[in-house]
PDB file of N, CA and C in Angstrom:
ATOM      1  N   SER A   1     116.886  80.512  76.373  1.00  0.00           N
ATOM      2  CA  SER A   1     117.123  80.763  77.774  1.00  0.00           C
ATOM      3  C   SER A   1     116.189  81.819  78.337  1.00  0.00           C
ATOM      4  N   GLY A   2     115.648  82.676  77.509  1.00  0.00           N
ATOM      5  CA  GLY A   2     114.580  83.530  77.964  1.00  0.00           C
ATOM      6  C   GLY A   2     114.905  84.926  78.434  1.00  0.00           C
ATOM      7  N   TRP A   3     116.159  85.373  78.347  1.00  0.00           N
ATOM      8  CA  TRP A   3     116.473  86.726  78.797  1.00  0.00           C
ATOM      9  C   TRP A   3     116.132  87.758  77.736  1.00  0.00           C
ATOM     10  N   GLY A   4     116.137  87.370  76.490  1.00  0.00           N
ATOM     11  CA  GLY A   4     115.906  88.321  75.412  1.00  0.00           C
ATOM     12  C   GLY A   4     115.020  87.731  74.338  1.00  0.00           C
ATOM     13  N   GLN A   5     115.124  88.286  73.131  1.00  0.00           N
ATOM     14  CA  GLN A   5     114.246  87.876  72.037  1.00  0.00           C
ATOM     15  C   GLN A   5     114.934  86.964  71.032  1.00  0.00           C
ATOM     16  N   GLY A   6     116.058  86.399  71.353  1.00  0.00           N
ATOM     17  CA  GLY A   6     116.825  85.503  70.498  1.00  0.00           C
ATOM     18  C   GLY A   6     118.184  85.320  71.122  1.00  0.00           C
ATOM     19  N   LEU A   7     119.004  84.432  70.585  1.00  0.00           N
ATOM     20  CA  LEU A   7     120.323  84.199  71.171  1.00  0.00           C
ATOM     21  C   LEU A   7     121.275  85.375  70.966  1.00  0.00           C
ATOM     22  N   TYR A   8     121.456  85.798  69.702  1.00  0.00           N
ATOM     23  CA  TYR A   8     122.403  86.881  69.416  1.00  0.00           C
ATOM     24  C   TYR A   8     121.751  88.049  68.682  1.00  0.00           C
ATOM     25  N   SER A   9     120.622  87.832  68.132  1.00  0.00           N
ATOM     26  CA  SER A   9     119.895  88.914  67.475  1.00  0.00           C
ATOM     27  C   SER A   9     118.416  88.724  67.765  1.00  0.00           C
ATOM     28  N   PRO A  10     117.626  89.749  67.710  1.00  0.00           N
ATOM     29  CA  PRO A  10     117.994  91.094  67.302  1.00  0.00           C
ATOM     30  C   PRO A  10     118.953  91.730  68.314  1.00  0.00           C
ATOM     31  N   LYS A  11     119.862  92.478  67.733  1.00  0.00           N
ATOM     32  CA  LYS A  11     120.899  93.108  68.545  1.00  0.00           C
ATOM     33  C   LYS A  11     120.263  93.967  69.637  1.00  0.00           C
ATOM     34  N   TRP A  12     120.894  93.990  70.763  1.00  0.00           N
ATOM     35  CA  TRP A  12     120.561  94.761  71.959  1.00  0.00           C
ATOM     36  C   TRP A  12     119.388  94.189  72.753  1.00  0.00           C
ATOM     37  N   VAL A  13     118.564  93.338  72.175  1.00  0.00           N
ATOM     38  CA  VAL A  13     117.477  92.742  72.956  1.00  0.00           C
ATOM     39  C   VAL A  13     117.564  91.214  72.941  1.00  0.00           C
ATOM     40  N   SER A  14     118.693  90.677  72.511  1.00  0.00           N
ATOM     41  CA  SER A  14     118.892  89.230  72.500  1.00  0.00           C
ATOM     42  C   SER A  14     119.415  88.767  73.867  1.00  0.00           C
ATOM     43  N   ASP A  15     119.421  87.458  74.070  1.00  0.00           N
ATOM     44  CA  ASP A  15     119.976  86.904  75.309  1.00  0.00           C
ATOM     45  C   ASP A  15     121.414  87.377  75.507  1.00  0.00           C
ATOM     46  N   HIS A  16     122.213  87.323  74.434  1.00  0.00           N
ATOM     47  CA  HIS A  16     123.623  87.681  74.501  1.00  0.00           C
ATOM     48  C   HIS A  16     123.816  89.087  75.073  1.00  0.00           C
ATOM     49  N   TYR A  17     123.145  90.045  74.507  1.00  0.00           N
ATOM     50  CA  TYR A  17     123.314  91.428  74.963  1.00  0.00           C
ATOM     51  C   TYR A  17     122.623  91.685  76.299  1.00  0.00           C
ATOM     52  N   THR A  18     121.522  91.021  76.560  1.00  0.00           N
ATOM     53  CA  THR A  18     120.867  91.158  77.858  1.00  0.00           C
ATOM     54  C   THR A  18     121.771  90.618  78.961  1.00  0.00           C
ATOM     55  N   LEU A  19     122.411  89.479  78.720  1.00  0.00           N
ATOM     56  CA  LEU A  19     123.333  88.918  79.703  1.00  0.00           C
ATOM     57  C   LEU A  19     124.533  89.830  79.928  1.00  0.00           C
ATOM     58  N   LEU A  20     125.041  90.447  78.856  1.00  0.00           N
ATOM     59  CA  LEU A  20     126.140  91.408  79.019  1.00  0.00           C
ATOM     60  C   LEU A  20     125.712  92.582  79.891  1.00  0.00           C
ATOM     61  N   GLU A  21     124.504  93.078  79.678  1.00  0.00           N
ATOM     62  CA  GLU A  21     124.006  94.190  80.501  1.00  0.00           C
ATOM     63  C   GLU A  21     123.832  93.765  81.955  1.00  0.00           C
ATOM     64  N   LEU A  22     123.290  92.573  82.175  1.00  0.00           N
ATOM     65  CA  LEU A  22     123.130  92.083  83.545  1.00  0.00           C
ATOM     66  C   LEU A  22     124.491  91.955  84.228  1.00  0.00           C
ATOM     67  N   LYS A  23     125.484  91.472  83.496  1.00  0.00           N
ATOM     68  CA  LYS A  23     126.846  91.372  84.039  1.00  0.00           C
ATOM     69  C   LYS A  23     127.363  92.753  84.405  1.00  0.00           C
ATOM     70  N   ASP A  24     127.196  93.704  83.480  1.00  0.00           N
ATOM     71  CA  ASP A  24     127.672  95.066  83.736  1.00  0.00           C
ATOM     72  C   ASP A  24     126.953  95.721  84.909  1.00  0.00           C
ATOM     73  N   MET A  25     125.717  95.318  85.165  1.00  0.00           N
ATOM     74  CA  MET A  25     124.969  95.871  86.299  1.00  0.00           C
ATOM     75  C   MET A  25     125.261  95.131  87.593  1.00  0.00           C
ATOM     76  N   GLY A  26     126.082  94.070  87.510  1.00  0.00           N
ATOM     77  CA  GLY A  26     126.522  93.407  88.727  1.00  0.00           C
ATOM     78  C   GLY A  26     125.733  92.190  89.162  1.00  0.00           C
ATOM     79  N   ILE A  27     125.057  91.512  88.225  1.00  0.00           N
ATOM     80  CA  ILE A  27     124.374  90.282  88.620  1.00  0.00           C
ATOM     81  C   ILE A  27     125.397  89.353  89.269  1.00  0.00           C
ATOM     82  N   ARG A  28     124.979  88.633  90.268  1.00  0.00           N
ATOM     83  CA  ARG A  28     125.892  87.697  90.933  1.00  0.00           C
ATOM     84  C   ARG A  28     126.420  86.680  89.922  1.00  0.00           C
ATOM     85  N   ARG A  29     127.706  86.434  89.973  1.00  0.00           N
ATOM     86  CA  ARG A  29     128.342  85.481  89.054  1.00  0.00           C
ATOM     87  C   ARG A  29     127.711  84.103  89.140  1.00  0.00           C
ATOM     88  N   ASP A  30     127.273  83.741  90.332  1.00  0.00           N
ATOM     89  CA  ASP A  30     126.758  82.393  90.552  1.00  0.00           C
ATOM     90  C   ASP A  30     125.229  82.326  90.498  1.00  0.00           C
ATOM     91  N   HIS A  31     124.588  83.392  90.017  1.00  0.00           N
ATOM     92  CA  HIS A  31     123.122  83.372  89.905  1.00  0.00           C
ATOM     93  C   HIS A  31     122.750  82.205  88.987  1.00  0.00           C
ATOM     94  N   PRO A  32     121.928  81.265  89.463  1.00  0.00           N
ATOM     95  CA  PRO A  32     121.632  80.066  88.678  1.00  0.00           C
ATOM     96  C   PRO A  32     121.057  80.347  87.289  1.00  0.00           C
ATOM     97  N   ALA A  33     120.159  81.306  87.163  1.00  0.00           N
ATOM     98  CA  ALA A  33     119.576  81.606  85.857  1.00  0.00           C
ATOM     99  C   ALA A  33     120.603  82.250  84.923  1.00  0.00           C
ATOM    100  N   PHE A  34     121.470  83.093  85.473  1.00  0.00           N
ATOM    101  CA  PHE A  34     122.523  83.712  84.672  1.00  0.00           C
ATOM    102  C   PHE A  34     123.472  82.642  84.145  1.00  0.00           C
ATOM    103  N   ARG A  35     123.961  81.795  85.045  1.00  0.00           N
ATOM    104  CA  ARG A  35     124.894  80.737  84.624  1.00  0.00           C
ATOM    105  C   ARG A  35     124.263  79.801  83.610  1.00  0.00           C
ATOM    106  N   ALA A  36     123.032  79.401  83.831  1.00  0.00           N
ATOM    107  CA  ALA A  36     122.364  78.488  82.894  1.00  0.00           C
ATOM    108  C   ALA A  36     122.221  79.142  81.523  1.00  0.00           C
ATOM    109  N   SER A  37     121.921  80.421  81.501  1.00  0.00           N
ATOM    110  CA  SER A  37     121.774  81.128  80.229  1.00  0.00           C
ATOM    111  C   SER A  37     123.106  81.266  79.510  1.00  0.00           C
ATOM    112  N   VAL A  38     124.175  81.537  80.253  1.00  0.00           N
ATOM    113  CA  VAL A  38     125.502  81.631  79.640  1.00  0.00           C
ATOM    114  C   VAL A  38     125.913  80.263  79.089  1.00  0.00           C
ATOM    115  N   GLU A  39     125.663  79.215  79.849  1.00  0.00           N
ATOM    116  CA  GLU A  39     125.975  77.866  79.361  1.00  0.00           C
ATOM    117  C   GLU A  39     125.179  77.544  78.102  1.00  0.00           C
ATOM    118  N   ASN A  40     123.934  78.001  78.030  1.00  0.00           N
ATOM    119  CA  ASN A  40     123.130  77.800  76.833  1.00  0.00           C
ATOM    120  C   ASN A  40     123.730  78.553  75.645  1.00  0.00           C
ATOM    121  N   LEU A  41     124.163  79.788  75.868  1.00  0.00           N
ATOM    122  CA  LEU A  41     124.816  80.546  74.788  1.00  0.00           C
ATOM    123  C   LEU A  41     126.045  79.807  74.285  1.00  0.00           C
ATOM    124  N   LEU A  42     126.863  79.321  75.185  1.00  0.00           N
ATOM    125  CA  LEU A  42     128.070  78.608  74.793  1.00  0.00           C
ATOM    126  C   LEU A  42     127.702  77.373  73.974  1.00  0.00           C
ATOM    127  N   ARG A  43     126.726  76.627  74.430  1.00  0.00           N
ATOM    128  CA  ARG A  43     126.293  75.416  73.731  1.00  0.00           C
ATOM    129  C   ARG A  43     125.752  75.741  72.331  1.00  0.00           C
ATOM    130  N   CYS A  44     125.002  76.813  72.214  1.00  0.00           N
ATOM    131  CA  CYS A  44     124.345  77.146  70.942  1.00  0.00           C
ATOM    132  C   CYS A  44     125.207  77.977  69.994  1.00  0.00           C
ATOM    133  N   MET A  45     126.171  78.728  70.531  1.00  0.00           N
ATOM    134  CA  MET A  45     126.908  79.667  69.686  1.00  0.00           C
ATOM    135  C   MET A  45     128.330  79.228  69.370  1.00  0.00           C
ATOM    136  N   TRP A  46     128.881  78.273  70.090  1.00  0.00           N
ATOM    137  CA  TRP A  46     130.267  77.873  69.816  1.00  0.00           C
ATOM    138  C   TRP A  46     130.299  76.386  69.513  1.00  0.00           C
ATOM    139  N   TYR A  47     130.587  76.053  68.280  1.00  0.00           N
ATOM    140  CA  TYR A  47     130.641  74.648  67.889  1.00  0.00           C
ATOM    141  C   TYR A  47     131.847  74.371  67.007  1.00  0.00           C
ATOM    142  N   LYS A  48     133.006  74.624  67.558  1.00  0.00           N
ATOM    143  CA  LYS A  48     134.302  74.269  66.993  1.00  0.00           C
ATOM    144  C   LYS A  48     134.438  74.655  65.527  1.00  0.00           C
ATOM    145  N   GLY A  49     134.106  75.893  65.202  1.00  0.00           N
ATOM    146  CA  GLY A  49     134.345  76.395  63.870  1.00  0.00           C
ATOM    147  C   GLY A  49     133.374  75.929  62.814  1.00  0.00           C
ATOM    148  N   ARG A  50     132.311  75.271  63.187  1.00  0.00           N
ATOM    149  CA  ARG A  50     131.341  74.793  62.200  1.00  0.00           C
ATOM    150  C   ARG A  50     129.931  75.240  62.589  1.00  0.00           C
ATOM    151  N   ALA A  51     129.208  75.664  61.595  1.00  0.00           N
ATOM    152  CA  ALA A  51     127.799  75.981  61.834  1.00  0.00           C
ATOM    153  C   ALA A  51     127.052  74.663  62.043  1.00  0.00           C
ATOM    154  N   LYS A  52     125.903  74.718  62.640  1.00  0.00           N
ATOM    155  CA  LYS A  52     125.149  73.496  62.911  1.00  0.00           C
ATOM    156  C   LYS A  52     124.799  72.731  61.641  1.00  0.00           C
ATOM    157  N   ASN A  53     124.753  73.436  60.495  1.00  0.00           N
ATOM    158  CA  ASN A  53     124.448  72.742  59.247  1.00  0.00           C
ATOM    159  C   ASN A  53     125.691  72.084  58.660  1.00  0.00           C
ATOM    160  N   GLY A  54     126.834  72.180  59.363  1.00  0.00           N
ATOM    161  CA  GLY A  54     128.042  71.502  58.947  1.00  0.00           C
ATOM    162  C   GLY A  54     128.966  72.327  58.069  1.00  0.00           C
ATOM    163  N   ARG A  55     128.523  73.489  57.600  1.00  0.00           N
ATOM    164  CA  ARG A  55     129.387  74.320  56.759  1.00  0.00           C
ATOM    165  C   ARG A  55     130.385  75.067  57.617  1.00  0.00           C
ATOM    166  N   LYS A  56     131.589  75.271  57.064  1.00  0.00           N
ATOM    167  CA  LYS A  56     132.599  76.072  57.771  1.00  0.00           C
ATOM    168  C   LYS A  56     132.089  77.492  57.899  1.00  0.00           C
ATOM    169  N   ARG A  57     132.445  78.137  58.974  1.00  0.00           N
ATOM    170  CA  ARG A  57     132.094  79.543  59.139  1.00  0.00           C
ATOM    171  C   ARG A  57     133.151  80.207  59.989  1.00  0.00           C
ATOM    172  N   GLU A  58     133.248  81.486  59.856  1.00  0.00           N
ATOM    173  CA  GLU A  58     134.129  82.243  60.725  1.00  0.00           C
ATOM    174  C   GLU A  58     133.273  82.966  61.738  1.00  0.00           C
ATOM    175  N   TYR A  59     133.801  83.078  62.927  1.00  0.00           N
ATOM    176  CA  TYR A  59     133.083  83.758  63.991  1.00  0.00           C
ATOM    177  C   TYR A  59     133.419  85.234  63.996  1.00  0.00           C
ATOM    178  N   ASP A  60     132.452  86.008  64.335  1.00  0.00           N
ATOM    179  CA  ASP A  60     132.663  87.425  64.559  1.00  0.00           C
ATOM    180  C   ASP A  60     133.535  87.551  65.801  1.00  0.00           C
ATOM    181  N   MET A  61     134.623  88.300  65.688  1.00  0.00           N
ATOM    182  CA  MET A  61     135.570  88.415  66.792  1.00  0.00           C
ATOM    183  C   MET A  61     134.923  89.035  68.033  1.00  0.00           C
ATOM    184  N   CYS A  62     134.050  90.015  67.840  1.00  0.00           N
ATOM    185  CA  CYS A  62     133.363  90.623  68.988  1.00  0.00           C
ATOM    186  C   CYS A  62     132.483  89.598  69.691  1.00  0.00           C
ATOM    187  N   MET A  63     131.758  88.801  68.913  1.00  0.00           N
ATOM    188  CA  MET A  63     130.896  87.780  69.500  1.00  0.00           C
ATOM    189  C   MET A  63     131.727  86.799  70.309  1.00  0.00           C
ATOM    190  N   ALA A  64     132.844  86.359  69.731  1.00  0.00           N
ATOM    191  CA  ALA A  64     133.694  85.392  70.432  1.00  0.00           C
ATOM    192  C   ALA A  64     134.215  85.983  71.737  1.00  0.00           C
ATOM    193  N   ALA A  65     134.694  87.213  71.694  1.00  0.00           N
ATOM    194  CA  ALA A  65     135.254  87.848  72.890  1.00  0.00           C
ATOM    195  C   ALA A  65     134.177  88.096  73.949  1.00  0.00           C
ATOM    196  N   MET A  66     133.004  88.532  73.533  1.00  0.00           N
ATOM    197  CA  MET A  66     131.928  88.781  74.500  1.00  0.00           C
ATOM    198  C   MET A  66     131.446  87.474  75.119  1.00  0.00           C
ATOM    199  N   LEU A  67     131.373  86.407  74.320  1.00  0.00           N
ATOM    200  CA  LEU A  67     130.975  85.104  74.845  1.00  0.00           C
ATOM    201  C   LEU A  67     132.005  84.620  75.866  1.00  0.00           C
ATOM    202  N   LEU A  68     133.277  84.781  75.548  1.00  0.00           N
ATOM    203  CA  LEU A  68     134.333  84.415  76.484  1.00  0.00           C
ATOM    204  C   LEU A  68     134.215  85.226  77.779  1.00  0.00           C
ATOM    205  N   ASP A  69     133.973  86.519  77.653  1.00  0.00           N
ATOM    206  CA  ASP A  69     133.804  87.397  78.809  1.00  0.00           C
ATOM    207  C   ASP A  69     132.668  86.906  79.706  1.00  0.00           C
ATOM    208  N   LEU A  70     131.528  86.584  79.126  1.00  0.00           N
ATOM    209  CA  LEU A  70     130.390  86.096  79.910  1.00  0.00           C
ATOM    210  C   LEU A  70     130.725  84.792  80.619  1.00  0.00           C
ATOM    211  N   CYS A  71     131.387  83.889  79.901  1.00  0.00           N
ATOM    212  CA  CYS A  71     131.727  82.587  80.488  1.00  0.00           C
ATOM    213  C   CYS A  71     132.702  82.735  81.647  1.00  0.00           C
ATOM    214  N   VAL A  72     133.723  83.556  81.460  1.00  0.00           N
ATOM    215  CA  VAL A  72     134.703  83.751  82.528  1.00  0.00           C
ATOM    216  C   VAL A  72     134.029  84.405  83.740  1.00  0.00           C
ATOM    217  N   TYR A  73     133.211  85.419  83.495  1.00  0.00           N
ATOM    218  CA  TYR A  73     132.516  86.086  84.595  1.00  0.00           C
ATOM    219  C   TYR A  73     131.637  85.096  85.358  1.00  0.00           C
ATOM    220  N   GLY A  74     130.946  84.239  84.617  1.00  0.00           N
ATOM    221  CA  GLY A  74     130.038  83.281  85.241  1.00  0.00           C
ATOM    222  C   GLY A  74     130.719  82.060  85.840  1.00  0.00           C
ATOM    223  N   GLY A  75     132.043  81.981  85.711  1.00  0.00           N
ATOM    224  CA  GLY A  75     132.765  80.850  86.284  1.00  0.00           C
ATOM    225  C   GLY A  75     132.543  79.547  85.540  1.00  0.00           C
ATOM    226  N   ILE A  76     132.227  79.650  84.261  1.00  0.00           N
ATOM    227  CA  ILE A  76     131.985  78.456  83.462  1.00  0.00           C
ATOM    228  C   ILE A  76     133.325  77.764  83.201  1.00  0.00           C
ATOM    229  N   VAL A  77     133.380  76.479  83.446  1.00  0.00           N
ATOM    230  CA  VAL A  77     134.565  75.683  83.166  1.00  0.00           C
ATOM    231  C   VAL A  77     134.195  74.739  82.033  1.00  0.00           C
ATOM    232  N   ASP A  78     134.833  74.933  80.871  1.00  0.00           N
ATOM    233  CA  ASP A  78     134.483  74.155  79.690  1.00  0.00           C
ATOM    234  C   ASP A  78     135.662  74.213  78.729  1.00  0.00           C
ATOM    235  N   PRO A  79     136.027  73.099  78.110  1.00  0.00           N
ATOM    236  CA  PRO A  79     137.155  73.104  77.172  1.00  0.00           C
ATOM    237  C   PRO A  79     136.935  74.012  75.965  1.00  0.00           C
ATOM    238  N   ARG A  80     135.704  74.357  75.662  1.00  0.00           N
ATOM    239  CA  ARG A  80     135.444  75.253  74.533  1.00  0.00           C
ATOM    240  C   ARG A  80     135.990  76.656  74.781  1.00  0.00           C
ATOM    241  N   LEU A  81     136.181  77.014  76.046  1.00  0.00           N
ATOM    242  CA  LEU A  81     136.770  78.329  76.326  1.00  0.00           C
ATOM    243  C   LEU A  81     138.194  78.393  75.787  1.00  0.00           C
ATOM    244  N   ASP A  82     138.937  77.300  75.895  1.00  0.00           N
ATOM    245  CA  ASP A  82     140.276  77.254  75.297  1.00  0.00           C
ATOM    246  C   ASP A  82     140.191  77.409  73.780  1.00  0.00           C
ATOM    247  N   GLU A  83     139.180  76.794  73.170  1.00  0.00           N
ATOM    248  CA  GLU A  83     138.983  76.933  71.722  1.00  0.00           C
ATOM    249  C   GLU A  83     138.731  78.393  71.346  1.00  0.00           C
ATOM    250  N   ILE A  84     137.938  79.088  72.140  1.00  0.00           N
ATOM    251  CA  ILE A  84     137.634  80.491  71.860  1.00  0.00           C
ATOM    252  C   ILE A  84     138.910  81.328  71.959  1.00  0.00           C
ATOM    253  N   VAL A  85     139.687  81.112  73.014  1.00  0.00           N
ATOM    254  CA  VAL A  85     140.946  81.845  73.166  1.00  0.00           C
ATOM    255  C   VAL A  85     141.865  81.549  71.987  1.00  0.00           C
ATOM    256  N   ASP A  86     141.994  80.285  71.630  1.00  0.00           N
ATOM    257  CA  ASP A  86     142.847  79.913  70.491  1.00  0.00           C
ATOM    258  C   ASP A  86     142.364  80.574  69.209  1.00  0.00           C
ATOM    259  N   TYR A  87     141.055  80.613  69.018  1.00  0.00           N
ATOM    260  CA  TYR A  87     140.495  81.239  67.817  1.00  0.00           C
ATOM    261  C   TYR A  87     140.844  82.729  67.777  1.00  0.00           C
ATOM    262  N   ILE A  88     140.651  83.402  68.896  1.00  0.00           N
ATOM    263  CA  ILE A  88     140.945  84.844  68.958  1.00  0.00           C
ATOM    264  C   ILE A  88     142.424  85.097  68.670  1.00  0.00           C
ATOM    265  N   LEU A  89     143.302  84.310  69.271  1.00  0.00           N
ATOM    266  CA  LEU A  89     144.739  84.503  69.063  1.00  0.00           C
ATOM    267  C   LEU A  89     145.167  84.169  67.633  1.00  0.00           C
ATOM    268  N   ALA A  90     144.468  83.244  66.988  1.00  0.00           N
ATOM    269  CA  ALA A  90     144.830  82.823  65.632  1.00  0.00           C
ATOM    270  C   ALA A  90     144.289  83.758  64.560  1.00  0.00           C
ATOM    271  N   HIS A  91     143.410  84.678  64.921  1.00  0.00           N
ATOM    272  CA  HIS A  91     142.772  85.542  63.931  1.00  0.00           C
ATOM    273  C   HIS A  91     142.899  87.019  64.326  1.00  0.00           C
ATOM    274  N   PRO A  92     144.133  87.540  64.372  1.00  0.00           N
ATOM    275  CA  PRO A  92     144.273  88.962  64.728  1.00  0.00           C
ATOM    276  C   PRO A  92     143.644  89.853  63.662  1.00  0.00           C
ATOM    277  N   MET A  93     143.148  90.976  64.104  1.00  0.00           N
ATOM    278  CA  MET A  93     142.539  91.933  63.179  1.00  0.00           C
ATOM    279  C   MET A  93     143.642  92.668  62.414  1.00  0.00           C
ATOM    280  N   ALA A  94     143.309  93.240  61.295  1.00  0.00           N
ATOM    281  CA  ALA A  94     144.287  93.945  60.461  1.00  0.00           C
ATOM    282  C   ALA A  94     144.965  95.098  61.207  1.00  0.00           C
ATOM    283  N   ASP A  95     144.222  95.686  62.167  1.00  0.00           N
ATOM    284  CA  ASP A  95     144.786  96.810  62.924  1.00  0.00           C
ATOM    285  C   ASP A  95     145.566  96.344  64.151  1.00  0.00           C
ATOM    286  N   GLY A  96     145.742  95.042  64.280  1.00  0.00           N
ATOM    287  CA  GLY A  96     146.495  94.496  65.407  1.00  0.00           C
ATOM    288  C   GLY A  96     145.629  94.118  66.588  1.00  0.00           C
ATOM    289  N   GLY A  97     144.363  94.460  66.535  1.00  0.00           N
ATOM    290  CA  GLY A  97     143.442  94.150  67.629  1.00  0.00           C
ATOM    291  C   GLY A  97     143.064  92.694  67.679  1.00  0.00           C
TER     292      GLY A  97
END
């Protein structure tokens, strides 16, 4: 999508973190490039509990929550958002978080 140097890493300069910073700085929710980039993150980073190579994987809870935050902010309507919420609720942290 072009906002950073990768989708989720390197940390702090990837699309994921750049989009979070743009959101925090008040980019318009409906900015076409912002929405397209968030939709790209969702397409590339959330695939129903499976890595693209087909192996099972667990998602980092922070990544899942931040991706959900970006999607909700951007007004993305997609059934995968329900999957993310279900995943977060099904995997509470040991400290209750």
